[in-house]
C-alpha atoms as a PDB file:
ATOM      1  CA  MET A   1      -7.025   4.053   0.734  1.00  0.00           C
ATOM      2  CA  VAL A   2      -6.112   2.019   3.715  1.00  0.00           C
ATOM      3  CA  LYS A   3      -8.234  -0.270   5.990  1.00  0.00           C
ATOM      4  CA  ILE A   4      -8.077   0.648   9.709  1.00  0.00           C
ATOM      5  CA  ASN A   5      -9.911  -1.607  12.054  1.00  0.00           C
ATOM      6  CA  GLY A   6     -12.080  -2.781   9.106  1.00  0.00           C
ATOM      7  CA  GLU A   7     -12.955   0.686   7.797  1.00  0.00           C
ATOM      8  CA  LEU A   8     -11.655   2.058   4.445  1.00  0.00           C
ATOM      9  CA  LEU A   9     -10.019   5.513   5.114  1.00  0.00           C
ATOM     10  CA  ASP A  10      -8.006   7.934   3.008  1.00  0.00           C
ATOM     11  CA  LYS A  11      -4.948   7.875   5.238  1.00  0.00           C
ATOM     12  CA  ALA A  12      -2.276   6.809   2.884  1.00  0.00           C
ATOM     13  CA  GLY A  13       0.976   8.740   3.698  1.00  0.00           C
ATOM     14  CA  CYS A  14       0.104   9.179   7.356  1.00  0.00           C
ATOM     15  CA  SER A  15       2.271   7.792  10.081  1.00  0.00           C
ATOM     16  CA  VAL A  16       1.004   5.384  12.806  1.00  0.00           C
ATOM     17  CA  THR A  17       1.508   8.144  15.301  1.00  0.00           C
ATOM     18  CA  ASP A  18      -0.812  10.562  13.222  1.00  0.00           C
ATOM     19  CA  ILE A  19      -3.485   7.900  12.945  1.00  0.00           C
ATOM     20  CA  LEU A  20      -3.441   7.164  16.643  1.00  0.00           C
ATOM     21  CA  ALA A  21      -3.812  10.779  17.354  1.00  0.00           C
ATOM     22  CA  ASP A  22      -6.727  11.114  14.970  1.00  0.00           C
ATOM     23  CA  MET A  23      -8.300   8.039  16.772  1.00  0.00           C
ATOM     24  CA  GLY A  24      -7.821   9.698  20.159  1.00  0.00           C
ATOM     25  CA  THR A  25      -5.657   6.916  21.381  1.00  0.00           C
ATOM     26  CA  SER A  26      -2.473   8.839  21.983  1.00  0.00           C
ATOM     27  CA  GLY A  27      -1.081   8.054  25.309  1.00  0.00           C
ATOM     28  CA  GLN A  28      -3.266   4.892  25.724  1.00  0.00           C
ATOM     29  CA  ARG A  29      -1.861   1.375  25.900  1.00  0.00           C
ATOM     30  CA  VAL A  30      -2.423  -0.019  22.377  1.00  0.00           C
ATOM     31  CA  ALA A  31      -1.044  -2.600  20.071  1.00  0.00           C
ATOM     32  CA  VAL A  32      -0.726  -1.877  16.332  1.00  0.00           C
ATOM     33  CA  GLU A  33      -0.603  -4.559  13.667  1.00  0.00           C
ATOM     34  CA  LEU A  34       0.171  -3.477  10.108  1.00  0.00           C
ATOM     35  CA  ASN A  35      -0.219  -5.980   7.340  1.00  0.00           C
ATOM     36  CA  GLU A  36      -0.302  -8.799   9.832  1.00  0.00           C
ATOM     37  CA  SER A  37       2.923  -7.703  11.626  1.00  0.00           C
ATOM     38  CA  ILE A  38       3.202  -6.002  15.006  1.00  0.00           C
ATOM     39  CA  VAL A  39       4.639  -2.435  14.819  1.00  0.00           C
ATOM     40  CA  PRO A  40       7.023  -1.692  17.668  1.00  0.00           C
ATOM     41  CA  LYS A  41       5.999   1.465  19.654  1.00  0.00           C
ATOM     42  CA  ALA A  42       9.466   2.948  18.837  1.00  0.00           C
ATOM     43  CA  GLU A  43       8.578   2.769  15.052  1.00  0.00           C
ATOM     44  CA  TYR A  44       5.138   4.456  15.199  1.00  0.00           C
ATOM     45  CA  SER A  45       6.495   7.848  14.034  1.00  0.00           C
ATOM     46  CA  SER A  46       8.653   6.361  11.292  1.00  0.00           C
ATOM     47  CA  THR A  47       6.034   3.951   9.897  1.00  0.00           C
ATOM     48  CA  PHE A  48       3.884   5.438   7.209  1.00  0.00           C
ATOM     49  CA  LEU A  49       0.869   3.743   5.605  1.00  0.00           C
ATOM     50  CA  LYS A  50       0.628   3.067   1.866  1.00  0.00           C
ATOM     51  CA  ASP A  51      -2.385   2.454  -0.327  1.00  0.00           C
ATOM     52  CA  GLY A  52      -3.872  -0.955   0.325  1.00  0.00           C
ATOM     53  CA  ASP A  53      -2.234  -1.438   3.829  1.00  0.00           C
ATOM     54  CA  THR A  54      -4.387  -2.898   6.446  1.00  0.00           C
ATOM     55  CA  MET A  55      -3.967  -1.677  10.156  1.00  0.00           C
ATOM     56  CA  GLU A  56      -5.555  -2.973  13.284  1.00  0.00           C
ATOM     57  CA  VAL A  57      -5.434  -1.107  16.539  1.00  0.00           C
ATOM     58  CA  VAL A  58      -6.239  -2.900  19.815  1.00  0.00           C
ATOM     59  CA  ARG A  59      -6.716  -1.043  23.104  1.00  0.00           C
ATOM     60  CA  PHE A  60      -5.909  -2.780  26.348  1.00  0.00           C
ATOM     61  CA  VAL A  61      -8.744  -2.769  28.908  1.00  0.00           C
ATOM     62  CA  GLY A  62      -8.323  -3.703  32.435  1.00  0.00           C
ATOM     63  CA  GLY A  63     -10.963  -5.771  34.282  1.00  0.00           C
ATOM     64  CA  GLY A  64     -11.433  -8.545  36.600  1.00  0.00           C
END
């Protein structure tokens, strides 16, 4: 089990890219933090979650 945006999910073994696709955020501007470290976009497909990991996804929203 991993915690994604505060929710426990059975996503251990999935890549960051897979999780973003499941969340419907593919192609959107997002920042990903895994265990309190920012994951560079170039590493999304090669970064896999393990049991006990905590991931936060932040979407950028424009406004004025």
